Amino acid sequence: MLTEKLISIVVACYRDADNVREMYRRLTEVLAQVTPHYEIIFVNDNSPDNAEEILLEIAGRDQRVTVISHSRNFGSQMAFTSGMQQSVGAAVILMDGDLQDPPETIPVLIAEWNKGFDVVYGVREKRRENPLMGAARKLFYRLYRRLSYIDVPVDAGDFSVMSRRVVDAMLLMPERDRFLRGLRSWVGFRQTGVPYVRAARFAGESTNSLLENVRWAKRGIFSFSYRPLELISLMTLMVTFLAAAAIVVYFVLYFVIPNAPRGYLTLLVAVLLLGAVQLFSLSIIAEYLGRMFEEVKQRPQFIVRSIANDHRLEE
């Protein structure tokens, strides 16, 4: 029976067929220590493996498990959004389906939430991955915090517990290019972090390539920062000063040193410099225009193909 103390756990699944059984086992063991009132929402983001078959089998045995299946792969941020819309709990926990975010951390998150915090996010104190990739991630989070116009905690991913009013506020935001950890910071309310060690993927291979991580970083920066546009103005100012200085220098050299370098090489350097600045500026503008293009089309954020154990129908 649904109560005001119900906790909803949203698990985004893609290529996680080998992980979902273990995820379910560990979640139920941990939640049994926290509360008897919970629901687990697995969002199958059109996984190409047999994850949906396994999830439906689990849902058939446990009515507290809801399985949402999307019509195609919409990405983890839309999977989480889909689960958040489906959730009915007073608190909602977001988790990836690869078990890198350990369910055993949930009691600590809930304990902080019970103290009155609206958002308790996990801070990746340490993660088992390639040291070079780890250093790149740390650099991104610190760069992102400096560039963003909101206060974004460093080393904090989607793994978090959020109160119902935070979830409802985030669901009011209609954008398609979603960066949930940024939206979570944008809504405000009382927030705190809990350090934890992020484990290696339980089974299977990561779906995040280097290119995908770069796209992910650009999504965060261009969604919550105007600094790249301000950089264009700064570069324009710098080039203007350089051009003015060059004019003065060449004017002096013309009269003082008649044999000073001039001609084709000077022209080539100037053209290459201006061309590089223009192309870089256009690439920044293109990033913002591309995101605007997606938003103005007003397409659905995701499409649900089926739902097993739909508890919203019980309300």
C-alpha atoms as a PDB file:
ATOM      1  CA  MET A   1       0.000   0.000   0.000  1.00  0.00           C
ATOM      2  CA  LEU A   2       1.448   3.386  -0.955  1.00  0.00           C
ATOM      3  CA  THR A   3       2.157   5.762   1.920  1.00  0.00           C
ATOM      4  CA  GLU A   4       3.733   9.177   2.398  1.00  0.00           C
ATOM      5  CA  LYS A   5       6.897   7.406   3.594  1.00  0.00           C
ATOM      6  CA  LEU A   6       7.299   5.463   0.367  1.00  0.00           C
ATOM      7  CA  ILE A   7      10.740   5.559  -1.241  1.00  0.00           C
ATOM      8  CA  SER A   8      11.076   5.212  -5.019  1.00  0.00           C
ATOM      9  CA  ILE A   9      14.264   3.870  -6.560  1.00  0.00           C
ATOM     10  CA  VAL A  10      14.732   4.626 -10.266  1.00  0.00           C
ATOM     11  CA  VAL A  11      17.288   2.451 -12.062  1.00  0.00           C
ATOM     12  CA  ALA A  12      18.287   3.348 -15.640  1.00  0.00           C
ATOM     13  CA  CYS A  13      19.158   0.200 -17.608  1.00  0.00           C
ATOM     14  CA  TYR A  14      20.950  -0.138 -20.936  1.00  0.00           C
ATOM     15  CA  ARG A  15      23.016  -3.218 -21.766  1.00  0.00           C
ATOM     16  CA  ASP A  16      22.595  -4.328 -18.156  1.00  0.00           C
ATOM     17  CA  ALA A  17      21.105  -7.807 -18.598  1.00  0.00           C
ATOM     18  CA  ASP A  18      23.940  -9.314 -16.539  1.00  0.00           C
ATOM     19  CA  ASN A  19      23.501  -6.719 -13.794  1.00  0.00           C
ATOM     20  CA  VAL A  20      19.768  -6.453 -13.076  1.00  0.00           C
ATOM     21  CA  ARG A  21      19.360  -9.635 -11.035  1.00  0.00           C
ATOM     22  CA  GLU A  22      22.237  -8.663  -8.759  1.00  0.00           C
ATOM     23  CA  MET A  23      20.925  -5.094  -8.597  1.00  0.00           C
ATOM     24  CA  TYR A  24      17.496  -6.336  -7.525  1.00  0.00           C
ATOM     25  CA  ARG A  25      18.970  -8.696  -4.914  1.00  0.00           C
ATOM     26  CA  ARG A  26      21.201  -6.075  -3.334  1.00  0.00           C
ATOM     27  CA  LEU A  27      18.516  -3.378  -3.470  1.00  0.00           C
ATOM     28  CA  THR A  28      15.907  -5.503  -1.714  1.00  0.00           C
ATOM     29  CA  GLU A  29      18.407  -6.551   0.953  1.00  0.00           C
ATOM     30  CA  VAL A  30      19.382  -2.946   1.638  1.00  0.00           C
ATOM     31  CA  LEU A  31      15.846  -1.543   1.497  1.00  0.00           C
ATOM     32  CA  ALA A  32      14.649  -4.172   3.975  1.00  0.00           C
ATOM     33  CA  GLN A  33      16.912  -2.461   6.523  1.00  0.00           C
ATOM     34  CA  VAL A  34      15.564   0.999   5.692  1.00  0.00           C
ATOM     35  CA  THR A  35      11.797   0.751   5.149  1.00  0.00           C
ATOM     36  CA  PRO A  36       9.122  -1.754   4.131  1.00  0.00           C
ATOM     37  CA  HIS A  37       7.537   0.926   1.961  1.00  0.00           C
ATOM     38  CA  TYR A  38       9.387   1.177  -1.315  1.00  0.00           C
ATOM     39  CA  GLU A  39       9.069   0.715  -5.065  1.00  0.00           C
ATOM     40  CA  ILE A  40      11.797  -0.105  -7.555  1.00  0.00           C
ATOM     41  CA  ILE A  41      11.375   1.357 -11.032  1.00  0.00           C
ATOM     42  CA  PHE A  42      13.599  -0.198 -13.692  1.00  0.00           C
ATOM     43  CA  VAL A  43      13.669   1.863 -16.881  1.00  0.00           C
ATOM     44  CA  ASN A  44      14.625  -0.337 -19.825  1.00  0.00           C
ATOM     45  CA  ASP A  45      15.915   2.229 -22.316  1.00  0.00           C
ATOM     46  CA  ASN A  46      15.384  -0.167 -25.239  1.00  0.00           C
ATOM     47  CA  SER A  47      18.365  -2.283 -24.228  1.00  0.00           C
ATOM     48  CA  PRO A  48      19.483  -4.549 -27.121  1.00  0.00           C
ATOM     49  CA  ASP A  49      20.135  -7.511 -24.788  1.00  0.00           C
ATOM     50  CA  ASN A  50      17.563  -9.581 -22.889  1.00  0.00           C
ATOM     51  CA  ALA A  51      17.346  -7.139 -19.969  1.00  0.00           C
ATOM     52  CA  GLU A  52      13.617  -6.562 -20.550  1.00  0.00           C
ATOM     53  CA  GLU A  53      12.860 -10.292 -20.343  1.00  0.00           C
ATOM     54  CA  ILE A  54      14.706 -10.580 -17.024  1.00  0.00           C
ATOM     55  CA  LEU A  55      13.099  -7.428 -15.643  1.00  0.00           C
ATOM     56  CA  LEU A  56       9.585  -8.603 -16.528  1.00  0.00           C
ATOM     57  CA  GLU A  57      10.311 -11.892 -14.815  1.00  0.00           C
ATOM     58  CA  ILE A  58      11.320 -10.028 -11.642  1.00  0.00           C
ATOM     59  CA  ALA A  59       8.253  -7.775 -11.882  1.00  0.00           C
ATOM     60  CA  GLY A  60       6.042 -10.845 -12.194  1.00  0.00           C
ATOM     61  CA  ARG A  61       7.335 -12.096  -8.837  1.00  0.00           C
ATOM     62  CA  ASP A  62       7.442  -8.754  -7.005  1.00  0.00           C
ATOM     63  CA  GLN A  63       4.616  -6.239  -7.356  1.00  0.00           C
ATOM     64  CA  ARG A  64       6.831  -3.535  -5.894  1.00  0.00           C
ATOM     65  CA  VAL A  65       8.927  -3.643  -9.065  1.00  0.00           C
ATOM     66  CA  THR A  66       7.808  -1.504 -12.017  1.00  0.00           C
ATOM     67  CA  VAL A  67       9.363  -1.961 -15.449  1.00  0.00           C
ATOM     68  CA  ILE A  68       9.172   0.872 -17.977  1.00  0.00           C
ATOM     69  CA  SER A  69      10.259   0.039 -21.524  1.00  0.00           C
ATOM     70  CA  HIS A  70      11.045   2.810 -24.004  1.00  0.00           C
ATOM     71  CA  SER A  71      10.339   2.586 -27.730  1.00  0.00           C
ATOM     72  CA  ARG A  72      14.016   3.312 -28.480  1.00  0.00           C
ATOM     73  CA  ASN A  73      17.144   4.391 -26.668  1.00  0.00           C
ATOM     74  CA  PHE A  74      16.703   7.966 -25.409  1.00  0.00           C
ATOM     75  CA  GLY A  75      19.733   8.106 -23.092  1.00  0.00           C
ATOM     76  CA  SER A  76      20.217   7.876 -19.342  1.00  0.00           C
ATOM     77  CA  GLN A  77      18.920  11.378 -18.581  1.00  0.00           C
ATOM     78  CA  MET A  78      15.604  10.640 -20.270  1.00  0.00           C
ATOM     79  CA  ALA A  79      15.473   7.224 -18.605  1.00  0.00           C
ATOM     80  CA  PHE A  80      15.813   8.878 -15.208  1.00  0.00           C
ATOM     81  CA  THR A  81      13.206  11.490 -16.172  1.00  0.00           C
ATOM     82  CA  SER A  82      10.816   8.728 -17.235  1.00  0.00           C
ATOM     83  CA  GLY A  83      11.269   6.956 -13.912  1.00  0.00           C
ATOM     84  CA  MET A  84      10.836  10.188 -11.977  1.00  0.00           C
ATOM     85  CA  GLN A  85       7.505  10.805 -13.725  1.00  0.00           C
ATOM     86  CA  GLN A  86       6.399   7.286 -12.842  1.00  0.00           C
ATOM     87  CA  SER A  87       7.503   7.475  -9.200  1.00  0.00           C
ATOM     88  CA  VAL A  88       5.039   8.106  -6.388  1.00  0.00           C
ATOM     89  CA  GLY A  89       7.381   8.130  -3.389  1.00  0.00           C
ATOM     90  CA  ALA A  90       8.102  10.923  -0.942  1.00  0.00           C
ATOM     91  CA  ALA A  91      11.757  10.456  -1.879  1.00  0.00           C
ATOM     92  CA  VAL A  92      13.272   9.341  -5.184  1.00  0.00           C
ATOM     93  CA  ILE A  93      16.686   7.720  -5.583  1.00  0.00           C
ATOM     94  CA  LEU A  94      18.446   7.685  -8.966  1.00  0.00           C
ATOM     95  CA  MET A  95      20.887   4.882  -9.822  1.00  0.00           C
ATOM     96  CA  ASP A  96      22.643   3.515 -12.887  1.00  0.00           C
ATOM     97  CA  GLY A  97      21.955  -0.131 -13.659  1.00  0.00           C
ATOM     98  CA  ASP A  98      25.625  -1.160 -13.814  1.00  0.00           C
ATOM     99  CA  LEU A  99      26.046  -1.295  -9.996  1.00  0.00           C
ATOM    100  CA  GLN A 100      28.868   1.237 -10.007  1.00  0.00           C
ATOM    101  CA  ASP A 101      26.806   3.180  -7.478  1.00  0.00           C
ATOM    102  CA  PRO A 102      26.563   0.693  -4.576  1.00  0.00           C
ATOM    103  CA  PRO A 103      23.066   0.133  -3.138  1.00  0.00           C
ATOM    104  CA  GLU A 104      24.722  -0.242   0.270  1.00  0.00           C
ATOM    105  CA  THR A 105      25.181   3.567   0.309  1.00  0.00           C
ATOM    106  CA  ILE A 106      21.408   4.133   0.252  1.00  0.00           C
ATOM    107  CA  PRO A 107      20.909   3.964   4.074  1.00  0.00           C
ATOM    108  CA  VAL A 108      23.456   6.781   4.478  1.00  0.00           C
ATOM    109  CA  LEU A 109      21.669   8.903   1.873  1.00  0.00           C
ATOM    110  CA  ILE A 110      18.288   8.260   3.499  1.00  0.00           C
ATOM    111  CA  ALA A 111      19.670   9.112   6.954  1.00  0.00           C
ATOM    112  CA  GLU A 112      20.751  12.538   5.673  1.00  0.00           C
ATOM    113  CA  TRP A 113      17.415  13.024   3.905  1.00  0.00           C
ATOM    114  CA  ASN A 114      15.631  12.287   7.196  1.00  0.00           C
ATOM    115  CA  LYS A 115      17.574  15.165   8.749  1.00  0.00           C
ATOM    116  CA  GLY A 116      15.655  17.555   6.514  1.00  0.00           C
ATOM    117  CA  PHE A 117      17.796  17.808   3.388  1.00  0.00           C
ATOM    118  CA  ASP A 118      15.852  17.888   0.129  1.00  0.00           C
ATOM    119  CA  VAL A 119      18.764  16.556  -1.918  1.00  0.00           C
ATOM    120  CA  VAL A 120      21.500  14.199  -0.787  1.00  0.00           C
ATOM    121  CA  TYR A 121      23.917  13.448  -3.614  1.00  0.00           C
ATOM    122  CA  GLY A 122      26.745  10.954  -3.703  1.00  0.00           C
ATOM    123  CA  VAL A 123      30.233  12.437  -3.985  1.00  0.00           C
ATOM    124  CA  ARG A 124      32.641  10.147  -5.813  1.00  0.00           C
ATOM    125  CA  GLU A 125      35.490  10.232  -3.334  1.00  0.00           C
ATOM    126  CA  LYS A 126      37.258   7.487  -5.245  1.00  0.00           C
ATOM    127  CA  ARG A 127      36.424   5.451  -8.316  1.00  0.00           C
ATOM    128  CA  ARG A 128      37.997   2.337  -9.766  1.00  0.00           C
ATOM    129  CA  GLU A 129      38.942   3.317 -13.316  1.00  0.00           C
ATOM    130  CA  ASN A 130      41.829   4.273 -15.548  1.00  0.00           C
ATOM    131  CA  PRO A 131      43.886   6.958 -13.707  1.00  0.00           C
ATOM    132  CA  LEU A 132      44.048   9.138 -16.816  1.00  0.00           C
ATOM    133  CA  MET A 133      40.257   9.036 -17.251  1.00  0.00           C
ATOM    134  CA  GLY A 134      39.837   9.731 -13.537  1.00  0.00           C
ATOM    135  CA  ALA A 135      42.050  12.810 -13.783  1.00  0.00           C
ATOM    136  CA  ALA A 136      40.079  14.011 -16.825  1.00  0.00           C
ATOM    137  CA  ARG A 137      36.795  13.639 -14.921  1.00  0.00           C
ATOM    138  CA  LYS A 138      38.106  15.593 -11.944  1.00  0.00           C
ATOM    139  CA  LEU A 139      39.350  18.328 -14.266  1.00  0.00           C
ATOM    140  CA  PHE A 140      35.952  18.519 -15.976  1.00  0.00           C
ATOM    141  CA  TYR A 141      33.973  18.852 -12.742  1.00  0.00           C
ATOM    142  CA  ARG A 142      36.210  21.672 -11.514  1.00  0.00           C
ATOM    143  CA  LEU A 143      36.129  23.427 -14.882  1.00  0.00           C
ATOM    144  CA  TYR A 144      32.358  22.973 -15.036  1.00  0.00           C
ATOM    145  CA  ARG A 145      31.937  24.514 -11.594  1.00  0.00           C
ATOM    146  CA  ARG A 146      33.978  27.573 -12.589  1.00  0.00           C
ATOM    147  CA  LEU A 147      32.124  28.033 -15.868  1.00  0.00           C
ATOM    148  CA  SER A 148      28.588  27.395 -14.625  1.00  0.00           C
ATOM    149  CA  TYR A 149      26.292  30.182 -13.458  1.00  0.00           C
ATOM    150  CA  ILE A 150      24.998  27.895 -10.671  1.00  0.00           C
ATOM    151  CA  ASP A 151      26.826  26.317  -7.739  1.00  0.00           C
ATOM    152  CA  VAL A 152      27.464  22.743  -8.858  1.00  0.00           C
ATOM    153  CA  PRO A 153      29.122  20.283  -6.433  1.00  0.00           C
ATOM    154  CA  VAL A 154      32.265  18.642  -7.787  1.00  0.00           C
ATOM    155  CA  ASP A 155      32.551  14.861  -8.314  1.00  0.00           C
ATOM    156  CA  ALA A 156      28.775  14.412  -7.874  1.00  0.00           C
ATOM    157  CA  GLY A 157      26.864  12.311 -10.412  1.00  0.00           C
ATOM    158  CA  ASP A 158      23.209  11.368 -10.774  1.00  0.00           C
ATOM    159  CA  PHE A 159      23.296   8.986  -7.779  1.00  0.00           C
ATOM    160  CA  SER A 160      21.230  10.824  -5.179  1.00  0.00           C
ATOM    161  CA  VAL A 161      18.062  10.924  -3.107  1.00  0.00           C
ATOM    162  CA  MET A 162      15.648  13.791  -3.772  1.00  0.00           C
ATOM    163  CA  SER A 163      12.498  14.863  -1.972  1.00  0.00           C
ATOM    164  CA  ARG A 164       9.197  14.866  -3.833  1.00  0.00           C
ATOM    165  CA  ARG A 165       9.138  18.670  -4.155  1.00  0.00           C
ATOM    166  CA  VAL A 166      12.564  18.633  -5.811  1.00  0.00           C
ATOM    167  CA  VAL A 167      11.481  15.895  -8.223  1.00  0.00           C
ATOM    168  CA  ASP A 168       8.269  17.759  -9.071  1.00  0.00           C
ATOM    169  CA  ALA A 169      10.239  20.973  -9.654  1.00  0.00           C
ATOM    170  CA  MET A 170      12.667  19.189 -12.001  1.00  0.00           C
ATOM    171  CA  LEU A 171       9.806  17.598 -13.918  1.00  0.00           C
ATOM    172  CA  LEU A 172       8.378  21.063 -14.595  1.00  0.00           C
ATOM    173  CA  MET A 173      11.427  21.805 -16.747  1.00  0.00           C
ATOM    174  CA  PRO A 174      10.548  20.902 -20.348  1.00  0.00           C
ATOM    175  CA  GLU A 175      13.987  20.908 -21.963  1.00  0.00           C
ATOM    176  CA  ARG A 176      15.036  17.941 -24.087  1.00  0.00           C
ATOM    177  CA  ASP A 177      18.791  18.334 -23.678  1.00  0.00           C
ATOM    178  CA  ARG A 178      18.713  17.405 -20.010  1.00  0.00           C
ATOM    179  CA  PHE A 179      21.639  17.422 -17.589  1.00  0.00           C
ATOM    180  CA  LEU A 180      19.981  16.278 -14.384  1.00  0.00           C
ATOM    181  CA  ARG A 181      22.787  16.992 -11.951  1.00  0.00           C
ATOM    182  CA  GLY A 182      22.745  20.577 -13.218  1.00  0.00           C
ATOM    183  CA  LEU A 183      18.955  20.837 -12.951  1.00  0.00           C
ATOM    184  CA  ARG A 184      19.190  19.367  -9.454  1.00  0.00           C
ATOM    185  CA  SER A 185      21.522  22.189  -8.433  1.00  0.00           C
ATOM    186  CA  TRP A 186      19.441  24.811 -10.246  1.00  0.00           C
ATOM    187  CA  VAL A 187      16.242  24.112  -8.275  1.00  0.00           C
ATOM    188  CA  GLY A 188      18.006  24.887  -5.005  1.00  0.00           C
ATOM    189  CA  PHE A 189      16.530  23.735  -1.662  1.00  0.00           C
ATOM    190  CA  ARG A 190      18.718  22.252   1.085  1.00  0.00           C
ATOM    191  CA  GLN A 191      21.398  20.004  -0.364  1.00  0.00           C
ATOM    192  CA  THR A 192      24.334  18.045   0.994  1.00  0.00           C
ATOM    193  CA  GLY A 193      26.767  15.412  -0.225  1.00  0.00           C
ATOM    194  CA  VAL A 194      27.808  11.985   1.028  1.00  0.00           C
ATOM    195  CA  PRO A 195      31.226  10.596  -0.005  1.00  0.00           C
ATOM    196  CA  TYR A 196      31.401   7.070  -1.384  1.00  0.00           C
ATOM    197  CA  VAL A 197      33.652   4.839  -3.456  1.00  0.00           C
ATOM    198  CA  ARG A 198      32.351   4.213  -6.969  1.00  0.00           C
ATOM    199  CA  ALA A 199      32.938   0.610  -7.918  1.00  0.00           C
ATOM    200  CA  ALA A 200      33.853  -0.841 -11.275  1.00  0.00           C
ATOM    201  CA  ARG A 201      31.018  -2.008 -13.509  1.00  0.00           C
ATOM    202  CA  PHE A 202      29.604  -5.281 -12.125  1.00  0.00           C
ATOM    203  CA  ALA A 203      29.313  -6.994 -15.535  1.00  0.00           C
ATOM    204  CA  GLY A 204      29.524  -6.106 -19.206  1.00  0.00           C
ATOM    205  CA  GLU A 205      31.333  -3.238 -20.878  1.00  0.00           C
ATOM    206  CA  SER A 206      30.781   0.477 -20.443  1.00  0.00           C
ATOM    207  CA  THR A 207      28.733   2.191 -23.150  1.00  0.00           C
ATOM    208  CA  ASN A 208      30.591   5.496 -22.604  1.00  0.00           C
ATOM    209  CA  SER A 209      33.387   5.972 -25.132  1.00  0.00           C
ATOM    210  CA  LEU A 210      35.843   8.876 -25.092  1.00  0.00           C
ATOM    211  CA  LEU A 211      33.729  10.680 -27.687  1.00  0.00           C
ATOM    212  CA  GLU A 212      30.583  10.102 -25.634  1.00  0.00           C
ATOM    213  CA  ASN A 213      32.291  11.527 -22.539  1.00  0.00           C
ATOM    214  CA  VAL A 214      33.280  14.621 -24.526  1.00  0.00           C
ATOM    215  CA  ARG A 215      29.672  15.052 -25.655  1.00  0.00           C
ATOM    216  CA  TRP A 216      28.565  14.618 -22.046  1.00  0.00           C
ATOM    217  CA  ALA A 217      30.966  17.340 -20.914  1.00  0.00           C
ATOM    218  CA  LYS A 218      29.736  19.720 -23.634  1.00  0.00           C
ATOM    219  CA  ARG A 219      26.127  19.076 -22.604  1.00  0.00           C
ATOM    220  CA  GLY A 220      26.861  20.148 -19.053  1.00  0.00           C
ATOM    221  CA  ILE A 221      28.840  23.242 -20.022  1.00  0.00           C
ATOM    222  CA  PHE A 222      26.569  24.565 -22.769  1.00  0.00           C
ATOM    223  CA  SER A 223      23.421  23.901 -20.709  1.00  0.00           C
ATOM    224  CA  PHE A 224      24.517  25.926 -17.687  1.00  0.00           C
ATOM    225  CA  SER A 225      27.094  28.450 -18.813  1.00  0.00           C
ATOM    226  CA  TYR A 226      27.320  31.595 -20.925  1.00  0.00           C
ATOM    227  CA  ARG A 227      31.098  31.741 -20.542  1.00  0.00           C
ATOM    228  CA  PRO A 228      31.815  30.254 -24.002  1.00  0.00           C
ATOM    229  CA  LEU A 229      29.849  33.146 -25.553  1.00  0.00           C
ATOM    230  CA  GLU A 230      31.720  35.611 -23.372  1.00  0.00           C
ATOM    231  CA  LEU A 231      34.944  34.007 -24.592  1.00  0.00           C
ATOM    232  CA  ILE A 232      34.083  35.094 -28.144  1.00  0.00           C
ATOM    233  CA  SER A 233      33.913  38.718 -26.982  1.00  0.00           C
ATOM    234  CA  LEU A 234      37.207  38.306 -25.129  1.00  0.00           C
ATOM    235  CA  MET A 235      38.935  36.839 -28.183  1.00  0.00           C
ATOM    236  CA  THR A 236      37.555  39.659 -30.346  1.00  0.00           C
ATOM    237  CA  LEU A 237      38.974  42.204 -27.912  1.00  0.00           C
ATOM    238  CA  MET A 238      42.352  40.462 -27.864  1.00  0.00           C
ATOM    239  CA  VAL A 239      42.562  40.262 -31.657  1.00  0.00           C
ATOM    240  CA  THR A 240      41.633  43.947 -31.896  1.00  0.00           C
ATOM    241  CA  PHE A 241      44.449  44.899 -29.521  1.00  0.00           C
ATOM    242  CA  LEU A 242      46.885  42.639 -31.391  1.00  0.00           C
ATOM    243  CA  ALA A 243      45.880  44.196 -34.695  1.00  0.00           C
ATOM    244  CA  ALA A 244      46.293  47.711 -33.268  1.00  0.00           C
ATOM    245  CA  ALA A 245      49.697  46.803 -31.816  1.00  0.00           C
ATOM    246  CA  ALA A 246      50.781  45.250 -35.119  1.00  0.00           C
ATOM    247  CA  ILE A 247      49.813  48.393 -37.008  1.00  0.00           C
ATOM    248  CA  VAL A 248      51.870  50.543 -34.650  1.00  0.00           C
ATOM    249  CA  VAL A 249      54.856  48.167 -34.811  1.00  0.00           C
ATOM    250  CA  TYR A 250      54.845  47.984 -38.598  1.00  0.00           C
ATOM    251  CA  PHE A 251      54.436  51.740 -38.868  1.00  0.00           C
ATOM    252  CA  VAL A 252      57.514  52.244 -36.671  1.00  0.00           C
ATOM    253  CA  LEU A 253      59.515  49.527 -38.432  1.00  0.00           C
ATOM    254  CA  TYR A 254      58.709  51.041 -41.813  1.00  0.00           C
ATOM    255  CA  PHE A 255      60.600  54.181 -40.904  1.00  0.00           C
ATOM    256  CA  VAL A 256      63.228  52.812 -38.477  1.00  0.00           C
ATOM    257  CA  ILE A 257      64.176  49.477 -40.094  1.00  0.00           C
ATOM    258  CA  PRO A 258      63.556  49.590 -43.836  1.00  0.00           C
ATOM    259  CA  ASN A 259      64.512  45.889 -44.254  1.00  0.00           C
ATOM    260  CA  ALA A 260      62.079  44.588 -41.562  1.00  0.00           C
ATOM    261  CA  PRO A 261      60.107  41.404 -42.481  1.00  0.00           C
ATOM    262  CA  ARG A 262      56.948  42.129 -44.446  1.00  0.00           C
ATOM    263  CA  GLY A 263      54.843  40.719 -47.227  1.00  0.00           C
ATOM    264  CA  TYR A 264      53.470  37.187 -47.800  1.00  0.00           C
ATOM    265  CA  LEU A 265      54.490  35.561 -44.481  1.00  0.00           C
ATOM    266  CA  THR A 266      53.014  38.378 -42.422  1.00  0.00           C
ATOM    267  CA  LEU A 267      49.776  38.216 -44.379  1.00  0.00           C
ATOM    268  CA  LEU A 268      49.614  34.407 -43.990  1.00  0.00           C
ATOM    269  CA  VAL A 269      50.006  34.587 -40.203  1.00  0.00           C
ATOM    270  CA  ALA A 270      47.299  37.248 -39.922  1.00  0.00           C
ATOM    271  CA  VAL A 271      44.849  35.285 -42.107  1.00  0.00           C
ATOM    272  CA  LEU A 272      45.445  32.039 -40.173  1.00  0.00           C
ATOM    273  CA  LEU A 273      44.996  33.786 -36.838  1.00  0.00           C
ATOM    274  CA  LEU A 274      41.762  35.493 -37.845  1.00  0.00           C
ATOM    275  CA  GLY A 275      40.468  32.330 -39.517  1.00  0.00           C
ATOM    276  CA  ALA A 276      41.123  30.240 -36.401  1.00  0.00           C
ATOM    277  CA  VAL A 277      39.343  32.771 -34.186  1.00  0.00           C
ATOM    278  CA  GLN A 278      36.350  32.911 -36.534  1.00  0.00           C
ATOM    279  CA  LEU A 279      36.015  29.134 -36.832  1.00  0.00           C
ATOM    280  CA  PHE A 280      36.336  28.671 -33.075  1.00  0.00           C
ATOM    281  CA  SER A 281      33.693  31.346 -32.492  1.00  0.00           C
ATOM    282  CA  LEU A 282      31.359  29.720 -35.023  1.00  0.00           C
ATOM    283  CA  SER A 283      31.782  26.326 -33.323  1.00  0.00           C
ATOM    284  CA  ILE A 284      30.674  27.812 -29.988  1.00  0.00           C
ATOM    285  CA  ILE A 285      27.663  29.508 -31.578  1.00  0.00           C
ATOM    286  CA  ALA A 286      26.805  26.258 -33.383  1.00  0.00           C
ATOM    287  CA  GLU A 287      26.679  24.373 -30.072  1.00  0.00           C
ATOM    288  CA  TYR A 288      24.085  26.773 -28.697  1.00  0.00           C
ATOM    289  CA  LEU A 289      22.118  26.879 -31.961  1.00  0.00           C
ATOM    290  CA  GLY A 290      21.997  23.080 -32.126  1.00  0.00           C
ATOM    291  CA  ARG A 291      20.510  22.917 -28.644  1.00  0.00           C
ATOM    292  CA  MET A 292      17.993  25.638 -29.467  1.00  0.00           C
ATOM    293  CA  PHE A 293      17.032  23.713 -32.616  1.00  0.00           C
ATOM    294  CA  GLU A 294      16.207  20.619 -30.548  1.00  0.00           C
ATOM    295  CA  GLU A 295      14.197  22.601 -28.006  1.00  0.00           C
ATOM    296  CA  VAL A 296      12.003  24.530 -30.464  1.00  0.00           C
ATOM    297  CA  LYS A 297      10.825  21.332 -32.177  1.00  0.00           C
ATOM    298  CA  GLN A 298       9.003  20.421 -28.943  1.00  0.00           C
ATOM    299  CA  ARG A 299       9.189  16.668 -29.506  1.00  0.00           C
ATOM    300  CA  PRO A 300       8.383  14.346 -26.569  1.00  0.00           C
ATOM    301  CA  GLN A 301      11.294  13.792 -24.217  1.00  0.00           C
ATOM    302  CA  PHE A 302      10.811  10.024 -24.545  1.00  0.00           C
ATOM    303  CA  ILE A 303       8.205   7.472 -25.637  1.00  0.00           C
ATOM    304  CA  VAL A 304       7.052   4.672 -23.342  1.00  0.00           C
ATOM    305  CA  ARG A 305       6.297   1.402 -25.104  1.00  0.00           C
ATOM    306  CA  SER A 306       5.001  -0.519 -22.068  1.00  0.00           C
ATOM    307  CA  ILE A 307       4.778  -0.423 -18.274  1.00  0.00           C
ATOM    308  CA  ALA A 308       4.600  -3.462 -16.013  1.00  0.00           C
ATOM    309  CA  ASN A 309       3.110  -2.962 -12.511  1.00  0.00           C
ATOM    310  CA  ASP A 310       1.960   0.619 -13.027  1.00  0.00           C
ATOM    311  CA  HIS A 311       1.367   1.874  -9.477  1.00  0.00           C
ATOM    312  CA  ARG A 312       0.178   5.282 -10.621  1.00  0.00           C
ATOM    313  CA  LEU A 313      -3.055   3.615 -11.691  1.00  0.00           C
ATOM    314  CA  GLU A 314      -3.674   2.744  -8.042  1.00  0.00           C
ATOM    315  CA  GLU A 315      -3.823   6.378  -6.956  1.00  0.00           C
END
